[in-house]
Amino acid sequence: MTHLDYKPRGVCSRAIHIDLSDDGSTIESVSFEGGCNGNLKAVGKLVAGKPVDEICDLLEGNTCGPRSTSCADQLTKGLRAAQASARE
């Protein structure tokens, strides 16, 4: 398993904890620190067991209010960073 603690930028959450399969292709678990607690717990449950590429295609570019990013968009950046780490 590959683990990454990602520090998101421009959003309310302070950290995203990501666990991927050994080959970096599947999300094992995701949890957030800070942000909209109930919504982000739901995001973690919805993405568990799904392919990284599928989730990134779905959530990349999502915005929050007037911000140009969101916790979901930041998750895609963290997932890509964790995936790159798994491939090293």
N, C-alpha and C. Protein backbone atom coordinates (compact mmCIF):
# COMPACT_ATOMS: atom_id res chain seq x y z
N MET A 1 0.85 -1.18 0.00
CA MET A 1 0.00 0.00 0.00
C MET A 1 0.89 1.24 0.00
N THR A 2 0.47 2.26 -0.71
CA THR A 2 1.15 3.55 -0.75
C THR A 2 0.34 4.55 0.07
N HIS A 3 1.01 5.26 0.98
CA HIS A 3 0.34 6.26 1.81
C HIS A 3 0.92 7.63 1.52
N LEU A 4 0.05 8.64 1.46
CA LEU A 4 0.48 10.03 1.29
C LEU A 4 -0.39 10.93 2.14
N ASP A 5 0.24 11.84 2.87
CA ASP A 5 -0.46 12.91 3.57
C ASP A 5 -0.28 14.15 2.72
N TYR A 6 -1.35 14.56 2.03
CA TYR A 6 -1.30 15.67 1.08
C TYR A 6 -1.79 16.94 1.75
N LYS A 7 -1.07 18.05 1.54
CA LYS A 7 -1.47 19.35 2.08
C LYS A 7 -2.18 20.14 0.98
N PRO A 8 -3.51 20.24 1.05
CA PRO A 8 -4.25 20.96 0.02
C PRO A 8 -4.04 22.48 0.11
N ARG A 9 -4.27 23.15 -1.00
CA ARG A 9 -4.10 24.60 -1.06
C ARG A 9 -5.40 25.27 -1.51
N GLY A 10 -5.73 26.38 -0.87
CA GLY A 10 -6.87 27.17 -1.30
C GLY A 10 -8.23 26.65 -0.85
N VAL A 11 -8.24 25.72 0.11
CA VAL A 11 -9.50 25.14 0.59
C VAL A 11 -9.50 25.10 2.11
N CYS A 12 -10.63 24.74 2.69
CA CYS A 12 -10.77 24.71 4.15
C CYS A 12 -10.08 23.51 4.79
N SER A 13 -10.02 22.37 4.09
CA SER A 13 -9.38 21.21 4.70
C SER A 13 -7.87 21.46 4.83
N ARG A 14 -7.29 20.89 5.89
CA ARG A 14 -5.88 21.10 6.20
C ARG A 14 -4.98 19.97 5.71
N ALA A 15 -5.54 18.79 5.56
CA ALA A 15 -4.77 17.63 5.12
C ALA A 15 -5.70 16.61 4.50
N ILE A 16 -5.15 15.85 3.54
CA ILE A 16 -5.87 14.73 2.95
C ILE A 16 -4.96 13.51 3.08
N HIS A 17 -5.47 12.48 3.75
CA HIS A 17 -4.71 11.25 3.96
C HIS A 17 -5.18 10.23 2.92
N ILE A 18 -4.23 9.78 2.11
CA ILE A 18 -4.56 8.93 0.96
C ILE A 18 -3.80 7.61 1.06
N ASP A 19 -4.52 6.51 0.87
CA ASP A 19 -3.92 5.18 0.76
C ASP A 19 -4.34 4.58 -0.57
N LEU A 20 -3.33 4.18 -1.35
CA LEU A 20 -3.57 3.54 -2.64
C LEU A 20 -3.05 2.12 -2.63
N SER A 21 -3.53 1.32 -3.58
CA SER A 21 -3.02 -0.04 -3.76
C SER A 21 -1.52 0.04 -4.08
N ASP A 22 -0.83 -1.08 -3.97
CA ASP A 22 0.62 -1.12 -4.20
C ASP A 22 1.02 -0.57 -5.56
N ASP A 23 0.20 -0.83 -6.58
CA ASP A 23 0.54 -0.34 -7.92
C ASP A 23 0.04 1.08 -8.18
N GLY A 24 -0.66 1.68 -7.21
CA GLY A 24 -1.12 3.06 -7.33
C GLY A 24 -2.34 3.25 -8.20
N SER A 25 -3.01 2.18 -8.57
CA SER A 25 -4.14 2.31 -9.49
C SER A 25 -5.50 2.41 -8.81
N THR A 26 -5.58 1.95 -7.54
CA THR A 26 -6.87 1.89 -6.86
C THR A 26 -6.79 2.61 -5.51
N ILE A 27 -7.85 3.34 -5.19
CA ILE A 27 -7.93 4.05 -3.91
C ILE A 27 -8.36 3.06 -2.83
N GLU A 28 -7.54 2.92 -1.81
CA GLU A 28 -7.88 2.07 -0.68
C GLU A 28 -8.72 2.87 0.33
N SER A 29 -8.24 4.08 0.68
CA SER A 29 -9.00 4.94 1.60
C SER A 29 -8.54 6.38 1.45
N VAL A 30 -9.46 7.28 1.82
CA VAL A 30 -9.19 8.73 1.82
C VAL A 30 -9.87 9.32 3.04
N SER A 31 -9.15 10.18 3.76
CA SER A 31 -9.78 10.93 4.85
C SER A 31 -9.23 12.35 4.85
N PHE A 32 -10.05 13.27 5.32
CA PHE A 32 -9.71 14.69 5.33
C PHE A 32 -9.63 15.19 6.76
N GLU A 33 -8.76 16.17 6.99
CA GLU A 33 -8.74 16.93 8.24
C GLU A 33 -9.26 18.32 7.92
N GLY A 34 -10.25 18.76 8.68
CA GLY A 34 -10.85 20.07 8.44
C GLY A 34 -11.84 20.00 7.29
N GLY A 35 -12.36 21.14 6.92
CA GLY A 35 -13.32 21.21 5.83
C GLY A 35 -14.72 20.84 6.29
N CYS A 36 -15.58 20.55 5.36
CA CYS A 36 -16.98 20.20 5.63
C CYS A 36 -17.05 18.73 6.04
N ASN A 37 -17.06 18.50 7.33
CA ASN A 37 -16.90 17.17 7.90
C ASN A 37 -17.79 16.10 7.27
N GLY A 38 -19.07 16.30 7.26
CA GLY A 38 -19.99 15.28 6.73
C GLY A 38 -19.78 15.03 5.24
N ASN A 39 -19.64 16.10 4.47
CA ASN A 39 -19.45 15.95 3.03
C ASN A 39 -18.14 15.23 2.72
N LEU A 40 -17.09 15.56 3.44
CA LEU A 40 -15.79 14.96 3.14
C LEU A 40 -15.70 13.52 3.62
N LYS A 41 -16.43 13.17 4.69
CA LYS A 41 -16.52 11.76 5.07
C LYS A 41 -17.22 10.98 3.96
N ALA A 42 -18.25 11.57 3.39
CA ALA A 42 -18.98 10.93 2.29
C ALA A 42 -18.09 10.75 1.07
N VAL A 43 -17.30 11.76 0.74
CA VAL A 43 -16.37 11.65 -0.39
C VAL A 43 -15.43 10.48 -0.17
N GLY A 44 -14.88 10.36 1.04
CA GLY A 44 -13.98 9.25 1.36
C GLY A 44 -14.63 7.90 1.14
N LYS A 45 -15.89 7.76 1.55
CA LYS A 45 -16.61 6.49 1.36
C LYS A 45 -16.90 6.22 -0.10
N LEU A 46 -17.25 7.28 -0.85
CA LEU A 46 -17.61 7.10 -2.25
C LEU A 46 -16.43 6.72 -3.14
N VAL A 47 -15.23 7.19 -2.79
CA VAL A 47 -14.07 6.92 -3.66
C VAL A 47 -13.33 5.63 -3.30
N ALA A 48 -13.55 5.10 -2.10
CA ALA A 48 -12.85 3.88 -1.68
C ALA A 48 -13.14 2.72 -2.63
N GLY A 49 -12.09 2.05 -3.06
CA GLY A 49 -12.22 0.92 -3.95
C GLY A 49 -12.30 1.27 -5.43
N LYS A 50 -12.32 2.56 -5.74
CA LYS A 50 -12.45 3.01 -7.13
C LYS A 50 -11.07 3.26 -7.75
N PRO A 51 -10.99 3.19 -9.08
CA PRO A 51 -9.74 3.49 -9.77
C PRO A 51 -9.39 4.99 -9.65
N VAL A 52 -8.12 5.26 -9.44
CA VAL A 52 -7.64 6.64 -9.32
C VAL A 52 -8.03 7.44 -10.56
N ASP A 53 -7.80 6.89 -11.74
CA ASP A 53 -8.08 7.63 -12.97
C ASP A 53 -9.55 8.00 -13.11
N GLU A 54 -10.44 7.10 -12.72
CA GLU A 54 -11.88 7.36 -12.79
C GLU A 54 -12.26 8.53 -11.88
N ILE A 55 -11.76 8.51 -10.66
CA ILE A 55 -12.09 9.57 -9.70
C ILE A 55 -11.49 10.90 -10.12
N CYS A 56 -10.26 10.88 -10.62
CA CYS A 56 -9.64 12.13 -11.07
C CYS A 56 -10.40 12.72 -12.26
N ASP A 57 -10.80 11.89 -13.19
CA ASP A 57 -11.58 12.38 -14.34
C ASP A 57 -12.90 13.00 -13.88
N LEU A 58 -13.50 12.42 -12.86
CA LEU A 58 -14.80 12.89 -12.37
C LEU A 58 -14.70 14.19 -11.57
N LEU A 59 -13.68 14.32 -10.71
CA LEU A 59 -13.63 15.42 -9.75
C LEU A 59 -12.68 16.56 -10.11
N GLU A 60 -11.76 16.34 -11.03
CA GLU A 60 -10.79 17.38 -11.37
C GLU A 60 -11.48 18.62 -11.91
N GLY A 61 -11.09 19.78 -11.37
CA GLY A 61 -11.66 21.04 -11.82
C GLY A 61 -12.90 21.48 -11.07
N ASN A 62 -13.39 20.66 -10.15
CA ASN A 62 -14.55 21.03 -9.33
C ASN A 62 -14.21 22.25 -8.49
N THR A 63 -15.12 23.21 -8.41
CA THR A 63 -14.88 24.43 -7.64
C THR A 63 -15.78 24.49 -6.41
N CYS A 64 -15.46 25.42 -5.51
CA CYS A 64 -16.24 25.63 -4.29
C CYS A 64 -16.52 27.12 -4.15
N GLY A 65 -17.78 27.50 -4.36
CA GLY A 65 -18.14 28.91 -4.28
C GLY A 65 -17.30 29.72 -5.24
N PRO A 66 -16.72 30.84 -4.77
CA PRO A 66 -15.92 31.69 -5.66
C PRO A 66 -14.49 31.18 -5.87
N ARG A 67 -14.12 30.12 -5.18
CA ARG A 67 -12.75 29.59 -5.29
C ARG A 67 -12.56 28.86 -6.62
N SER A 68 -11.34 28.86 -7.09
CA SER A 68 -11.05 28.17 -8.35
C SER A 68 -10.74 26.69 -8.13
N THR A 69 -10.83 26.22 -6.89
CA THR A 69 -10.58 24.82 -6.54
C THR A 69 -11.58 24.40 -5.48
N SER A 70 -11.48 23.17 -5.05
CA SER A 70 -12.35 22.64 -3.99
C SER A 70 -11.59 21.50 -3.32
N CYS A 71 -12.15 20.98 -2.24
CA CYS A 71 -11.52 19.83 -1.59
C CYS A 71 -11.48 18.64 -2.54
N ALA A 72 -12.53 18.47 -3.35
CA ALA A 72 -12.56 17.37 -4.32
C ALA A 72 -11.48 17.55 -5.38
N ASP A 73 -11.31 18.78 -5.87
CA ASP A 73 -10.26 19.08 -6.84
C ASP A 73 -8.88 18.86 -6.23
N GLN A 74 -8.70 19.28 -4.99
CA GLN A 74 -7.43 19.07 -4.31
C GLN A 74 -7.17 17.59 -4.08
N LEU A 75 -8.23 16.81 -3.85
CA LEU A 75 -8.07 15.38 -3.73
C LEU A 75 -7.46 14.80 -5.00
N THR A 76 -7.88 15.27 -6.17
CA THR A 76 -7.32 14.75 -7.42
C THR A 76 -5.82 15.03 -7.50
N LYS A 77 -5.40 16.19 -7.02
CA LYS A 77 -3.97 16.52 -7.02
C LYS A 77 -3.21 15.59 -6.07
N GLY A 78 -3.80 15.32 -4.91
CA GLY A 78 -3.19 14.39 -3.97
C GLY A 78 -3.15 12.98 -4.51
N LEU A 79 -4.21 12.55 -5.18
CA LEU A 79 -4.24 11.22 -5.77
C LEU A 79 -3.14 11.06 -6.82
N ARG A 80 -2.95 12.06 -7.65
CA ARG A 80 -1.91 12.00 -8.68
C ARG A 80 -0.52 11.96 -8.04
N ALA A 81 -0.33 12.73 -6.96
CA ALA A 81 0.96 12.72 -6.25
C ALA A 81 1.21 11.35 -5.62
N ALA A 82 0.19 10.76 -5.03
CA ALA A 82 0.33 9.43 -4.42
C ALA A 82 0.58 8.38 -5.50
N GLN A 83 -0.08 8.53 -6.62
CA GLN A 83 0.10 7.58 -7.72
C GLN A 83 1.53 7.65 -8.25
N ALA A 84 2.06 8.86 -8.39
CA ALA A 84 3.45 9.02 -8.84
C ALA A 84 4.42 8.40 -7.84
N SER A 85 4.14 8.57 -6.57
CA SER A 85 4.98 7.99 -5.52
C SER A 85 4.96 6.46 -5.58
N ALA A 86 3.81 5.88 -5.86
CA ALA A 86 3.69 4.42 -5.93
C ALA A 86 4.47 3.86 -7.11
N ARG A 87 4.61 4.65 -8.14
CA ARG A 87 5.29 4.17 -9.36
C ARG A 87 6.80 4.32 -9.30
N GLU A 88 7.29 5.02 -8.28
CA GLU A 88 8.75 5.22 -8.15
C GLU A 88 9.45 3.99 -7.67
